[in-house]
Amino acid sequence: MKAVVQRVKKAQVKIDNTIVSSIGNGLLVLLGVQEDDTQKDADFLVEKVINLRIFEDDNGKMNISLKDVKGELLVVSQFTLLGDCRKGRRPSFIKAAPPEKAIELYEYFISQALKFGIATKSGVFQAMMDVSLINQGPVTLLLDTQEK
């Protein structure tokens, strides 16, 4: 699994100019599922995301997690994170999981975040979405379960 994690003041997902999900202070996660990912990868990644110490403490140091600040989580499926651009000019998505597997692990990731008590919202799998955010910091991190 690959994830782009962004610390946000707020974020939202719109479909056809209608807001389908929105959060306040928290994290926006763009999540890509690879063909060989398992629930173990999702477990590792969700635990990593909610415990990353990327919120500022009273001294201005990134030392507090999403869990600590009681922030919200917005998870948006994004298979294009699996695009391989090393050859040619058109990305190859051969390593992306097929939709049936991707939605299963995407929904599993969300369910695991909820089990940790995190207020979690999501985009709509395979929909054309407009995602907007106010990136706080800006803080943006890339996580890849194949590089653990």
N, C-alpha and C. Protein backbone atom coordinates (compact mmCIF):
# COMPACT_ATOMS: atom_id res chain seq x y z
N MET A 1 0.85 -1.18 0.00
CA MET A 1 0.00 0.00 0.00
C MET A 1 0.89 1.23 0.00
N LYS A 2 0.42 2.21 -0.69
CA LYS A 2 1.09 3.51 -0.69
C LYS A 2 0.10 4.54 -0.20
N ALA A 3 0.62 5.52 0.54
CA ALA A 3 -0.25 6.57 1.05
C ALA A 3 0.47 7.91 1.00
N VAL A 4 -0.27 8.92 0.62
CA VAL A 4 0.16 10.30 0.77
C VAL A 4 -0.64 10.81 1.96
N VAL A 5 0.07 11.24 2.99
CA VAL A 5 -0.57 11.70 4.23
C VAL A 5 -0.34 13.20 4.34
N GLN A 6 -1.43 13.95 4.44
CA GLN A 6 -1.34 15.40 4.53
C GLN A 6 -2.04 15.89 5.79
N ARG A 7 -1.31 16.69 6.57
CA ARG A 7 -1.92 17.30 7.76
C ARG A 7 -2.75 18.49 7.27
N VAL A 8 -4.02 18.51 7.67
CA VAL A 8 -4.93 19.51 7.14
C VAL A 8 -5.68 20.26 8.23
N LYS A 9 -6.03 21.51 7.91
CA LYS A 9 -6.97 22.26 8.75
C LYS A 9 -8.39 21.82 8.43
N LYS A 10 -8.60 21.52 7.13
CA LYS A 10 -9.86 20.96 6.68
C LYS A 10 -9.66 20.36 5.30
N ALA A 11 -10.54 19.42 4.97
CA ALA A 11 -10.49 18.78 3.65
C ALA A 11 -11.90 18.29 3.32
N GLN A 12 -12.16 18.18 2.03
CA GLN A 12 -13.47 17.69 1.60
C GLN A 12 -13.38 17.00 0.25
N VAL A 13 -14.38 16.17 0.01
CA VAL A 13 -14.53 15.48 -1.26
C VAL A 13 -15.88 15.87 -1.83
N LYS A 14 -15.85 16.29 -3.11
CA LYS A 14 -17.09 16.61 -3.82
C LYS A 14 -17.23 15.69 -5.02
N ILE A 15 -18.48 15.34 -5.30
CA ILE A 15 -18.81 14.62 -6.53
C ILE A 15 -19.96 15.39 -7.16
N ASP A 16 -19.77 15.80 -8.41
CA ASP A 16 -20.78 16.61 -9.11
C ASP A 16 -21.21 17.82 -8.29
N ASN A 17 -20.24 18.54 -7.74
CA ASN A 17 -20.45 19.76 -6.95
C ASN A 17 -21.22 19.53 -5.65
N THR A 18 -21.32 18.28 -5.20
CA THR A 18 -21.98 17.97 -3.94
C THR A 18 -20.95 17.42 -2.97
N ILE A 19 -20.86 18.00 -1.78
CA ILE A 19 -19.92 17.52 -0.78
C ILE A 19 -20.41 16.16 -0.26
N VAL A 20 -19.54 15.14 -0.37
CA VAL A 20 -19.90 13.81 0.12
C VAL A 20 -19.18 13.47 1.42
N SER A 21 -18.07 14.14 1.70
CA SER A 21 -17.32 13.95 2.94
C SER A 21 -16.52 15.20 3.24
N SER A 22 -16.40 15.50 4.52
CA SER A 22 -15.53 16.62 4.91
C SER A 22 -15.05 16.40 6.34
N ILE A 23 -13.86 16.94 6.61
CA ILE A 23 -13.29 16.87 7.95
C ILE A 23 -12.73 18.23 8.32
N GLY A 24 -12.52 18.41 9.61
CA GLY A 24 -11.81 19.57 10.12
C GLY A 24 -10.36 19.18 10.35
N ASN A 25 -9.79 19.63 11.45
CA ASN A 25 -8.40 19.35 11.79
C ASN A 25 -8.12 17.84 11.75
N GLY A 26 -7.10 17.46 11.00
CA GLY A 26 -6.76 16.04 10.94
C GLY A 26 -5.84 15.70 9.80
N LEU A 27 -6.07 14.52 9.21
CA LEU A 27 -5.23 14.03 8.13
C LEU A 27 -6.07 13.61 6.94
N LEU A 28 -5.60 13.98 5.76
CA LEU A 28 -6.13 13.47 4.50
C LEU A 28 -5.16 12.39 4.04
N VAL A 29 -5.68 11.21 3.76
CA VAL A 29 -4.86 10.11 3.28
C VAL A 29 -5.34 9.71 1.90
N LEU A 30 -4.45 9.83 0.92
CA LEU A 30 -4.69 9.31 -0.42
C LEU A 30 -4.08 7.92 -0.43
N LEU A 31 -4.90 6.90 -0.67
CA LEU A 31 -4.49 5.51 -0.46
C LEU A 31 -4.49 4.72 -1.76
N GLY A 32 -3.36 4.12 -2.07
CA GLY A 32 -3.24 3.26 -3.24
C GLY A 32 -2.97 1.83 -2.82
N VAL A 33 -3.71 0.89 -3.40
CA VAL A 33 -3.58 -0.52 -3.05
C VAL A 33 -2.88 -1.25 -4.19
N GLN A 34 -1.81 -1.98 -3.82
CA GLN A 34 -1.04 -2.74 -4.80
C GLN A 34 -1.57 -4.17 -4.90
N GLU A 35 -1.25 -4.83 -5.99
CA GLU A 35 -1.76 -6.16 -6.27
C GLU A 35 -1.41 -7.19 -5.21
N ASP A 36 -0.28 -7.05 -4.54
CA ASP A 36 0.14 -8.05 -3.56
C ASP A 36 -0.08 -7.60 -2.11
N ASP A 37 -0.84 -6.54 -1.90
CA ASP A 37 -1.13 -6.07 -0.55
C ASP A 37 -2.10 -7.01 0.16
N THR A 38 -1.99 -7.02 1.49
CA THR A 38 -2.85 -7.86 2.33
C THR A 38 -3.40 -7.02 3.49
N GLN A 39 -4.25 -7.64 4.30
CA GLN A 39 -4.76 -6.96 5.48
C GLN A 39 -3.62 -6.59 6.43
N LYS A 40 -2.54 -7.36 6.41
CA LYS A 40 -1.37 -7.03 7.25
C LYS A 40 -0.78 -5.68 6.85
N ASP A 41 -0.75 -5.41 5.56
CA ASP A 41 -0.25 -4.12 5.08
C ASP A 41 -1.17 -3.00 5.55
N ALA A 42 -2.47 -3.23 5.46
CA ALA A 42 -3.44 -2.22 5.91
C ALA A 42 -3.32 -1.98 7.41
N ASP A 43 -3.17 -3.06 8.18
CA ASP A 43 -3.01 -2.93 9.64
C ASP A 43 -1.78 -2.10 9.98
N PHE A 44 -0.66 -2.41 9.33
CA PHE A 44 0.57 -1.67 9.55
C PHE A 44 0.39 -0.19 9.22
N LEU A 45 -0.21 0.06 8.06
CA LEU A 45 -0.34 1.43 7.58
C LEU A 45 -1.30 2.26 8.42
N VAL A 46 -2.44 1.72 8.79
CA VAL A 46 -3.40 2.50 9.58
C VAL A 46 -2.80 2.82 10.95
N GLU A 47 -2.10 1.86 11.54
CA GLU A 47 -1.47 2.11 12.84
C GLU A 47 -0.40 3.19 12.71
N LYS A 48 0.35 3.15 11.65
CA LYS A 48 1.40 4.14 11.39
C LYS A 48 0.78 5.53 11.21
N VAL A 49 -0.26 5.62 10.41
CA VAL A 49 -0.89 6.91 10.11
C VAL A 49 -1.45 7.57 11.37
N ILE A 50 -2.20 6.83 12.16
CA ILE A 50 -2.85 7.47 13.31
C ILE A 50 -1.90 7.76 14.46
N ASN A 51 -0.72 7.13 14.43
CA ASN A 51 0.26 7.38 15.49
C ASN A 51 1.45 8.22 15.06
N LEU A 52 1.48 8.66 13.79
CA LEU A 52 2.57 9.54 13.35
C LEU A 52 2.54 10.82 14.18
N ARG A 53 3.67 11.19 14.72
CA ARG A 53 3.74 12.40 15.55
C ARG A 53 4.07 13.58 14.64
N ILE A 54 3.01 14.10 13.98
CA ILE A 54 3.21 15.19 13.01
C ILE A 54 2.37 16.42 13.32
N PHE A 55 1.78 16.44 14.51
CA PHE A 55 1.07 17.64 14.97
C PHE A 55 1.95 18.31 16.01
N GLU A 56 1.88 19.63 16.07
CA GLU A 56 2.77 20.39 16.95
C GLU A 56 2.32 20.36 18.40
N ASP A 57 3.31 20.23 19.28
CA ASP A 57 3.05 20.32 20.71
C ASP A 57 3.12 21.78 21.15
N ASP A 58 3.09 22.03 22.44
CA ASP A 58 3.11 23.41 22.97
C ASP A 58 4.41 24.14 22.66
N ASN A 59 5.46 23.40 22.31
CA ASN A 59 6.75 24.01 21.98
C ASN A 59 6.96 24.16 20.48
N GLY A 60 5.91 23.88 19.69
CA GLY A 60 6.01 24.02 18.24
C GLY A 60 6.74 22.88 17.56
N LYS A 61 6.98 21.79 18.25
CA LYS A 61 7.66 20.63 17.65
C LYS A 61 6.62 19.60 17.23
N MET A 62 6.87 18.95 16.09
CA MET A 62 5.96 17.88 15.66
C MET A 62 6.19 16.70 16.59
N ASN A 63 5.27 16.54 17.53
CA ASN A 63 5.47 15.56 18.58
C ASN A 63 4.16 14.90 19.03
N ILE A 64 3.05 15.23 18.37
CA ILE A 64 1.73 14.75 18.79
C ILE A 64 1.06 14.06 17.59
N SER A 65 0.35 12.98 17.87
CA SER A 65 -0.28 12.20 16.81
C SER A 65 -1.73 12.63 16.58
N LEU A 66 -2.30 12.11 15.50
CA LEU A 66 -3.72 12.32 15.19
C LEU A 66 -4.58 11.85 16.35
N LYS A 67 -4.21 10.72 16.90
CA LYS A 67 -4.93 10.15 18.03
C LYS A 67 -4.90 11.11 19.23
N ASP A 68 -3.72 11.70 19.47
CA ASP A 68 -3.54 12.61 20.61
C ASP A 68 -4.36 13.89 20.47
N VAL A 69 -4.44 14.42 19.23
CA VAL A 69 -5.17 15.68 19.03
C VAL A 69 -6.66 15.44 18.78
N LYS A 70 -7.04 14.15 18.79
CA LYS A 70 -8.43 13.78 18.51
C LYS A 70 -8.89 14.35 17.17
N GLY A 71 -7.97 14.27 16.18
CA GLY A 71 -8.26 14.77 14.85
C GLY A 71 -9.07 13.78 14.03
N GLU A 72 -9.51 14.25 12.88
CA GLU A 72 -10.31 13.44 11.97
C GLU A 72 -9.44 12.90 10.83
N LEU A 73 -9.96 11.89 10.17
CA LEU A 73 -9.25 11.24 9.08
C LEU A 73 -10.18 11.17 7.87
N LEU A 74 -9.67 11.60 6.72
CA LEU A 74 -10.39 11.48 5.46
C LEU A 74 -9.55 10.59 4.55
N VAL A 75 -10.09 9.44 4.15
CA VAL A 75 -9.37 8.46 3.34
C VAL A 75 -9.97 8.44 1.95
N VAL A 76 -9.12 8.68 0.95
CA VAL A 76 -9.56 8.72 -0.44
C VAL A 76 -8.75 7.71 -1.25
N SER A 77 -9.44 6.80 -1.91
CA SER A 77 -8.77 5.81 -2.75
C SER A 77 -8.14 6.51 -3.96
N GLN A 78 -6.87 6.16 -4.22
CA GLN A 78 -6.20 6.79 -5.36
C GLN A 78 -5.22 5.80 -6.00
N PHE A 79 -5.73 5.04 -6.97
CA PHE A 79 -4.90 4.03 -7.61
C PHE A 79 -3.75 4.64 -8.40
N THR A 80 -3.85 5.92 -8.76
CA THR A 80 -2.78 6.53 -9.55
C THR A 80 -1.47 6.64 -8.76
N LEU A 81 -1.52 6.45 -7.45
CA LEU A 81 -0.28 6.41 -6.66
C LEU A 81 0.60 5.24 -7.09
N LEU A 82 -0.01 4.24 -7.73
CA LEU A 82 0.73 3.07 -8.17
C LEU A 82 1.27 3.23 -9.59
N GLY A 83 1.09 4.40 -10.17
CA GLY A 83 1.56 4.64 -11.53
C GLY A 83 3.08 4.60 -11.59
N ASP A 84 3.61 3.78 -12.47
CA ASP A 84 5.05 3.67 -12.69
C ASP A 84 5.40 4.52 -13.91
N CYS A 85 6.15 5.58 -13.67
CA CYS A 85 6.49 6.54 -14.74
C CYS A 85 7.95 6.43 -15.19
N ARG A 86 8.61 5.33 -14.85
CA ARG A 86 10.03 5.22 -15.18
C ARG A 86 10.30 5.09 -16.67
N LYS A 87 9.37 4.48 -17.41
CA LYS A 87 9.57 4.31 -18.85
C LYS A 87 8.50 5.08 -19.61
N GLY A 88 8.89 5.73 -20.66
CA GLY A 88 7.94 6.42 -21.50
C GLY A 88 7.29 7.62 -20.81
N ARG A 89 6.18 8.05 -21.36
CA ARG A 89 5.49 9.23 -20.85
C ARG A 89 4.11 8.90 -20.27
N ARG A 90 3.67 7.68 -20.44
CA ARG A 90 2.36 7.27 -19.93
C ARG A 90 2.56 6.31 -18.77
N PRO A 91 1.98 6.62 -17.60
CA PRO A 91 2.17 5.73 -16.44
C PRO A 91 1.62 4.34 -16.69
N SER A 92 2.30 3.36 -16.13
CA SER A 92 1.83 1.99 -16.14
C SER A 92 1.21 1.69 -14.77
N PHE A 93 0.04 1.10 -14.77
CA PHE A 93 -0.65 0.78 -13.52
C PHE A 93 -0.70 -0.72 -13.28
N ILE A 94 0.24 -1.44 -13.84
CA ILE A 94 0.24 -2.90 -13.77
C ILE A 94 0.33 -3.43 -12.34
N LYS A 95 0.93 -2.66 -11.42
CA LYS A 95 1.07 -3.13 -10.04
C LYS A 95 -0.10 -2.75 -9.15
N ALA A 96 -1.05 -2.00 -9.69
CA ALA A 96 -2.24 -1.63 -8.91
C ALA A 96 -3.13 -2.86 -8.75
N ALA A 97 -3.74 -2.99 -7.58
CA ALA A 97 -4.65 -4.10 -7.34
C ALA A 97 -5.89 -3.96 -8.22
N PRO A 98 -6.49 -5.08 -8.62
CA PRO A 98 -7.75 -4.99 -9.35
C PRO A 98 -8.81 -4.38 -8.43
N PRO A 99 -9.84 -3.74 -9.00
CA PRO A 99 -10.84 -3.04 -8.19
C PRO A 99 -11.46 -3.87 -7.07
N GLU A 100 -11.73 -5.14 -7.32
CA GLU A 100 -12.37 -5.98 -6.29
C GLU A 100 -11.49 -6.09 -5.05
N LYS A 101 -10.21 -6.28 -5.25
CA LYS A 101 -9.28 -6.39 -4.12
C LYS A 101 -9.04 -5.02 -3.50
N ALA A 102 -8.89 -4.01 -4.33
CA ALA A 102 -8.60 -2.66 -3.83
C ALA A 102 -9.71 -2.14 -2.93
N ILE A 103 -10.96 -2.32 -3.34
CA ILE A 103 -12.06 -1.81 -2.50
C ILE A 103 -12.12 -2.57 -1.18
N GLU A 104 -11.85 -3.86 -1.22
CA GLU A 104 -11.86 -4.65 0.02
C GLU A 104 -10.83 -4.12 1.02
N LEU A 105 -9.60 -3.85 0.56
CA LEU A 105 -8.56 -3.37 1.46
C LEU A 105 -8.75 -1.90 1.83
N TYR A 106 -9.29 -1.12 0.93
CA TYR A 106 -9.63 0.28 1.21
C TYR A 106 -10.66 0.34 2.34
N GLU A 107 -11.72 -0.43 2.22
CA GLU A 107 -12.76 -0.45 3.25
C GLU A 107 -12.24 -1.05 4.56
N TYR A 108 -11.35 -2.02 4.46
CA TYR A 108 -10.74 -2.61 5.65
C TYR A 108 -9.90 -1.56 6.38
N PHE A 109 -9.11 -0.79 5.63
CA PHE A 109 -8.29 0.28 6.21
C PHE A 109 -9.19 1.24 7.00
N ILE A 110 -10.29 1.65 6.41
CA ILE A 110 -11.23 2.57 7.06
C ILE A 110 -11.81 1.93 8.33
N SER A 111 -12.20 0.68 8.25
CA SER A 111 -12.78 -0.01 9.42
C SER A 111 -11.77 -0.11 10.55
N GLN A 112 -10.50 -0.31 10.22
CA GLN A 112 -9.47 -0.40 11.25
C GLN A 112 -9.25 0.96 11.92
N ALA A 113 -9.28 2.02 11.14
CA ALA A 113 -9.13 3.37 11.72
C ALA A 113 -10.28 3.64 12.69
N LEU A 114 -11.48 3.24 12.31
CA LEU A 114 -12.64 3.42 13.18
C LEU A 114 -12.48 2.62 14.48
N LYS A 115 -11.89 1.44 14.40
CA LYS A 115 -11.67 0.62 15.59
C LYS A 115 -10.72 1.30 16.58
N PHE A 116 -9.82 2.14 16.06
CA PHE A 116 -8.91 2.90 16.92
C PHE A 116 -9.61 4.12 17.53
N GLY A 117 -10.88 4.32 17.18
CA GLY A 117 -11.64 5.43 17.73
C GLY A 117 -11.42 6.74 17.00
N ILE A 118 -10.91 6.67 15.77
CA ILE A 118 -10.65 7.86 14.97
C ILE A 118 -11.90 8.18 14.16
N ALA A 119 -12.35 9.43 14.23
CA ALA A 119 -13.47 9.89 13.39
C ALA A 119 -12.99 9.82 11.94
N THR A 120 -13.52 8.88 11.18
CA THR A 120 -13.02 8.59 9.84
C THR A 120 -14.11 8.73 8.80
N LYS A 121 -13.77 9.46 7.74
CA LYS A 121 -14.68 9.61 6.60
C LYS A 121 -13.94 9.15 5.35
N SER A 122 -14.67 9.03 4.25
CA SER A 122 -14.04 8.52 3.04
C SER A 122 -14.58 9.18 1.79
N GLY A 123 -13.83 8.97 0.73
CA GLY A 123 -14.30 9.35 -0.59
C GLY A 123 -15.20 8.23 -1.09
N VAL A 124 -15.48 8.23 -2.39
CA VAL A 124 -16.30 7.19 -3.00
C VAL A 124 -15.42 6.42 -3.96
N PHE A 125 -15.26 5.15 -3.69
CA PHE A 125 -14.37 4.30 -4.48
C PHE A 125 -14.73 4.35 -5.96
N GLN A 126 -13.75 4.55 -6.81
CA GLN A 126 -13.84 4.61 -8.27
C GLN A 126 -14.66 5.78 -8.82
N ALA A 127 -15.01 6.73 -7.97
CA ALA A 127 -15.75 7.90 -8.46
C ALA A 127 -14.77 8.98 -8.91
N MET A 128 -15.22 9.84 -9.79
CA MET A 128 -14.46 11.02 -10.16
C MET A 128 -14.75 12.07 -9.09
N MET A 129 -13.73 12.38 -8.30
CA MET A 129 -13.92 13.25 -7.14
C MET A 129 -13.09 14.51 -7.28
N ASP A 130 -13.58 15.58 -6.67
CA ASP A 130 -12.81 16.80 -6.48
C ASP A 130 -12.43 16.82 -5.01
N VAL A 131 -11.13 16.76 -4.74
CA VAL A 131 -10.63 16.74 -3.37
C VAL A 131 -9.98 18.09 -3.11
N SER A 132 -10.43 18.76 -2.05
CA SER A 132 -9.82 20.04 -1.70
C SER A 132 -9.36 19.98 -0.25
N LEU A 133 -8.35 20.77 0.05
CA LEU A 133 -7.79 20.75 1.38
C LEU A 133 -7.04 22.03 1.67
N ILE A 134 -6.90 22.30 2.95
CA ILE A 134 -5.97 23.32 3.41
C ILE A 134 -4.89 22.55 4.15
N ASN A 135 -3.75 22.41 3.50
CA ASN A 135 -2.63 21.65 4.05
C ASN A 135 -1.95 22.51 5.09
N GLN A 136 -1.93 22.02 6.32
CA GLN A 136 -1.39 22.79 7.43
C GLN A 136 0.10 22.52 7.56
N GLY A 137 0.91 23.54 7.42
CA GLY A 137 2.36 23.42 7.55
C GLY A 137 3.10 24.06 6.39
N PRO A 138 3.10 23.50 5.22
CA PRO A 138 2.46 22.25 4.81
C PRO A 138 3.23 21.03 5.32
N VAL A 139 2.48 20.00 5.68
CA VAL A 139 3.06 18.72 6.09
C VAL A 139 2.48 17.66 5.18
N THR A 140 3.35 17.02 4.40
CA THR A 140 2.96 15.95 3.50
C THR A 140 4.01 14.85 3.57
N LEU A 141 3.56 13.62 3.81
CA LEU A 141 4.47 12.48 3.92
C LEU A 141 4.03 11.37 2.98
N LEU A 142 5.02 10.60 2.52
CA LEU A 142 4.75 9.45 1.66
C LEU A 142 5.07 8.18 2.46
N LEU A 143 4.12 7.26 2.48
CA LEU A 143 4.33 5.98 3.17
C LEU A 143 4.13 4.85 2.18
N ASP A 144 4.95 3.80 2.31
CA ASP A 144 4.86 2.66 1.42
C ASP A 144 5.13 1.40 2.25
N THR A 145 4.16 0.51 2.32
CA THR A 145 4.32 -0.68 3.15
C THR A 145 5.40 -1.62 2.61
N GLN A 146 5.78 -1.47 1.36
CA GLN A 146 6.83 -2.32 0.80
C GLN A 146 8.22 -1.82 1.21
N GLU A 147 8.26 -0.66 1.85
CA GLU A 147 9.55 -0.09 2.28
C GLU A 147 9.68 -0.08 3.80
N LYS A 148 8.92 -0.97 4.49
CA LYS A 148 9.01 -0.97 5.95
C LYS A 148 10.22 -1.74 6.44
